[in-house]
N, C-alpha and C. Protein backbone atom coordinates (compact mmCIF):
# COMPACT_ATOMS: atom_id res chain seq x y z
N MET A 1 332.12 107.06 112.98
CA MET A 1 332.26 106.20 113.17
C MET A 1 332.94 105.02 114.26
N ASN A 2 331.91 104.77 115.16
CA ASN A 2 332.61 103.71 116.78
C ASN A 2 333.51 102.92 116.49
N ASN A 3 334.84 103.11 117.27
CA ASN A 3 335.55 102.76 117.25
C ASN A 3 335.50 101.16 117.78
N SER A 4 334.73 101.29 119.15
CA SER A 4 334.82 100.30 119.37
C SER A 4 333.20 99.04 118.72
N ALA A 5 333.02 99.88 117.94
CA ALA A 5 331.89 98.21 117.52
C ALA A 5 332.53 97.94 116.42
N LEU A 6 333.72 98.19 115.78
CA LEU A 6 334.43 97.73 114.38
C LEU A 6 335.62 96.12 115.43
N VAL A 7 335.95 97.56 116.26
CA VAL A 7 336.42 96.36 116.64
C VAL A 7 335.96 94.71 117.14
N LEU A 8 334.91 95.42 118.11
CA LEU A 8 333.73 94.26 118.60
C LEU A 8 333.43 93.91 116.66
N ASN A 9 333.34 94.20 116.59
CA ASN A 9 332.61 92.97 115.12
C ASN A 9 333.94 91.92 114.42
N SER A 10 334.91 92.76 114.47
CA SER A 10 336.54 92.59 114.05
C SER A 10 336.39 91.04 115.09
N LEU A 11 336.12 91.16 115.72
CA LEU A 11 336.68 90.10 117.04
C LEU A 11 335.61 88.99 117.21
N ALA A 12 333.97 89.30 116.38
CA ALA A 12 333.50 88.56 116.51
C ALA A 12 333.19 87.65 115.30
N LEU A 13 334.22 88.55 113.75
CA LEU A 13 334.21 87.93 112.27
C LEU A 13 335.57 86.62 112.99
N PHE A 14 336.50 87.30 113.88
CA PHE A 14 337.39 86.46 114.22
C PHE A 14 336.96 85.09 114.64
N TYR A 15 335.87 84.96 115.84
CA TYR A 15 335.38 83.75 116.01
C TYR A 15 334.64 82.89 116.10
N ALA A 16 333.84 83.79 114.70
CA ALA A 16 332.53 82.52 113.55
C ALA A 16 333.95 82.43 113.18
N LEU A 17 334.89 83.23 112.31
CA LEU A 17 335.73 81.80 111.46
C LEU A 17 336.49 80.29 111.69
N CYS A 18 336.94 81.05 112.99
CA CYS A 18 338.10 79.83 113.85
C CYS A 18 336.63 78.76 113.74
N GLY A 19 335.26 79.15 114.55
CA GLY A 19 334.60 77.75 114.93
C GLY A 19 333.85 77.05 113.96
N GLY A 20 333.44 78.21 113.24
CA GLY A 20 332.92 77.39 111.60
C GLY A 20 333.99 75.93 111.01
N TRP A 21 335.35 77.44 111.12
CA TRP A 21 335.82 75.86 110.26
C TRP A 21 336.63 75.15 111.32
N LEU A 22 336.49 75.42 112.47
CA LEU A 22 336.58 74.47 113.53
C LEU A 22 335.71 73.55 113.58
N ILE A 23 334.39 73.49 113.60
CA ILE A 23 332.95 71.99 113.17
C ILE A 23 333.29 71.64 111.84
N ILE A 24 333.70 72.54 110.42
CA ILE A 24 333.68 71.74 110.04
C ILE A 24 334.47 70.78 109.61
N ALA A 25 336.10 71.04 109.66
CA ALA A 25 337.22 70.47 110.13
C ALA A 25 337.00 68.98 111.01
N THR A 26 335.67 69.36 111.72
CA THR A 26 335.65 67.64 112.69
C THR A 26 334.61 67.76 111.73
N GLN A 27 333.43 67.51 111.08
CA GLN A 27 332.91 66.87 110.25
C GLN A 27 333.14 65.93 108.95
N LEU A 28 334.17 66.51 108.40
CA LEU A 28 335.35 66.65 107.44
C LEU A 28 336.12 65.58 108.27
N ARG A 29 336.80 65.70 109.05
CA ARG A 29 337.38 64.66 109.66
C ARG A 29 336.71 63.40 110.29
N THR A 30 335.94 63.88 110.75
CA THR A 30 334.62 61.88 110.54
C THR A 30 334.14 61.13 109.86
N ALA A 31 333.71 61.84 109.19
CA ALA A 31 333.33 61.88 107.21
C ALA A 31 334.60 61.04 106.40
N ARG A 32 335.75 61.38 106.85
CA ARG A 32 337.11 60.78 106.03
C ARG A 32 337.29 59.77 107.48
N ALA A 33 336.94 59.34 108.64
CA ALA A 33 337.39 57.88 109.72
C ALA A 33 336.83 56.77 108.56
N VAL A 34 335.17 57.71 109.00
CA VAL A 34 334.29 57.16 108.86
C VAL A 34 334.23 55.94 107.37
N ARG A 35 335.32 56.36 106.00
CA ARG A 35 335.11 56.06 105.12
C ARG A 35 336.12 55.04 104.78
N LEU A 36 337.68 55.67 105.77
CA LEU A 36 338.94 54.62 105.85
C LEU A 36 338.21 53.56 106.33
N LEU A 37 337.30 53.51 107.55
CA LEU A 37 337.58 52.66 108.33
C LEU A 37 335.73 51.78 107.60
N SER A 38 335.53 51.83 106.15
CA SER A 38 334.57 51.13 106.76
C SER A 38 335.15 49.73 104.88
N SER A 39 333.92 48.31 105.81
CA SER A 39 334.69 47.69 105.54
C SER A 39 333.45 46.96 104.46
N PRO A 40 333.41 45.78 103.43
CA PRO A 40 332.29 44.97 102.63
C PRO A 40 330.78 45.15 104.41
N SER A 41 331.86 44.22 105.27
CA SER A 41 330.86 43.92 106.46
C SER A 41 330.05 45.06 106.65
N GLY A 42 330.71 46.52 106.88
CA GLY A 42 329.80 48.01 107.49
C GLY A 42 330.43 48.76 108.01
N VAL A 43 330.40 49.57 107.90
CA VAL A 43 331.71 50.51 109.66
C VAL A 43 331.98 50.03 110.09
N MET A 44 333.10 50.17 110.99
CA MET A 44 332.95 49.71 111.89
C MET A 44 333.39 51.24 112.45
N GLU A 45 332.95 50.75 114.31
CA GLU A 45 333.28 51.97 114.99
C GLU A 45 334.24 52.37 115.66
N GLU A 46 333.85 53.97 115.55
CA GLU A 46 335.21 54.81 116.03
C GLU A 46 336.09 54.90 117.37
N ALA A 47 336.53 54.10 117.48
CA ALA A 47 337.58 54.32 118.69
C ALA A 47 336.54 55.70 119.92
N ALA A 48 336.77 55.14 121.82
CA ALA A 48 335.26 55.80 121.86
C ALA A 48 336.99 57.46 121.99
N SER A 49 337.74 57.33 122.31
CA SER A 49 338.77 58.63 122.11
C SER A 49 337.90 59.53 121.55
N ALA A 50 338.68 59.05 120.00
CA ALA A 50 338.20 60.03 118.89
C ALA A 50 336.78 60.26 119.14
N GLN A 51 336.06 59.71 119.66
CA GLN A 51 334.44 60.17 119.44
C GLN A 51 334.87 61.54 120.37
N ARG A 52 335.34 61.02 121.78
CA ARG A 52 334.80 61.90 123.02
C ARG A 52 336.37 63.48 121.92
N GLY A 53 336.69 63.47 121.24
CA GLY A 53 337.69 64.64 120.87
C GLY A 53 337.45 65.29 120.03
N ASN A 54 335.96 64.22 119.26
CA ASN A 54 335.58 64.72 117.89
C ASN A 54 333.73 65.92 118.64
N ARG A 55 333.19 65.04 119.55
CA ARG A 55 332.64 65.55 120.73
C ARG A 55 333.08 67.21 121.11
N LEU A 56 334.73 67.05 121.70
CA LEU A 56 334.80 68.07 122.59
C LEU A 56 335.17 69.39 120.89
N PHE A 57 335.30 68.98 119.88
CA PHE A 57 335.72 69.90 119.00
C PHE A 57 334.78 70.64 119.17
N MET A 58 333.65 69.70 118.82
CA MET A 58 332.25 70.78 118.50
C MET A 58 332.11 71.27 118.82
N ARG A 59 331.66 71.17 120.58
CA ARG A 59 331.90 71.85 121.53
C ARG A 59 332.08 73.49 121.54
N VAL A 60 333.29 72.88 121.18
CA VAL A 60 334.73 73.82 120.87
C VAL A 60 334.65 74.97 120.12
N GLY A 61 333.47 74.04 119.00
CA GLY A 61 333.35 75.45 118.11
C GLY A 61 331.48 75.60 117.91
N GLY A 62 331.21 75.53 118.77
CA GLY A 62 329.41 76.03 119.27
C GLY A 62 329.99 77.02 119.91
N LEU A 63 330.57 77.43 121.29
CA LEU A 63 331.13 78.46 121.75
C LEU A 63 331.32 79.20 120.47
N CYS A 64 332.84 78.47 120.03
CA CYS A 64 333.19 80.15 119.28
C CYS A 64 332.12 80.88 118.70
N LEU A 65 330.67 80.46 117.71
CA LEU A 65 330.16 80.86 117.43
C LEU A 65 329.36 81.46 117.97
N GLY A 66 328.61 80.90 119.39
CA GLY A 66 328.24 81.71 119.78
C GLY A 66 328.40 83.33 121.16
N LEU A 67 329.85 82.69 120.98
CA LEU A 67 330.59 84.06 121.47
C LEU A 67 330.95 85.41 120.00
N ALA A 68 330.51 84.90 119.02
CA ALA A 68 330.43 85.41 118.29
C ALA A 68 329.44 86.33 118.26
N LEU A 69 327.75 85.66 117.55
CA LEU A 69 327.12 86.16 117.65
C LEU A 69 327.06 86.83 119.62
N LEU A 70 327.50 87.03 120.65
CA LEU A 70 327.05 88.00 121.93
C LEU A 70 327.47 88.60 121.01
N LEU A 71 328.68 88.75 120.81
CA LEU A 71 330.23 90.06 120.98
C LEU A 71 329.67 90.41 118.89
N SER A 72 329.13 89.61 118.17
CA SER A 72 327.99 90.49 117.40
C SER A 72 327.33 92.16 117.53
N ILE A 73 326.20 91.25 118.73
CA ILE A 73 324.70 91.39 119.20
C ILE A 73 325.67 93.09 120.52
N ALA A 74 326.62 92.45 120.91
CA ALA A 74 327.24 93.82 122.30
C ALA A 74 327.55 94.87 121.38
N SER A 75 328.15 94.77 119.53
CA SER A 75 328.69 96.06 118.78
C SER A 75 327.70 96.43 118.47
N ALA A 76 326.71 96.05 118.42
CA ALA A 76 325.27 96.94 118.09
C ALA A 76 325.38 97.59 119.03
N LEU A 77 324.51 97.86 120.17
CA LEU A 77 324.68 97.93 121.60
C LEU A 77 325.10 99.01 121.63
N VAL A 78 326.19 99.72 120.97
CA VAL A 78 327.06 99.84 121.52
C VAL A 78 327.32 101.58 120.51
């Protein structure tokens, strides 16, 4: 067994878990905000800063998942 491949796969798993958790937590946070801000007349818009934060968290989560994919591919080549 190649030790460097194991290390790369472990790092890929770590980044995948972190990125997946970040995306899921952001989706749950957004759904909770919509649920809390909803009124009988409809849904109020989220604050612009909250939307920017959610976009940032989604991008970072996506980057983590992309990095995990690249590390996994690199470990297969090692």
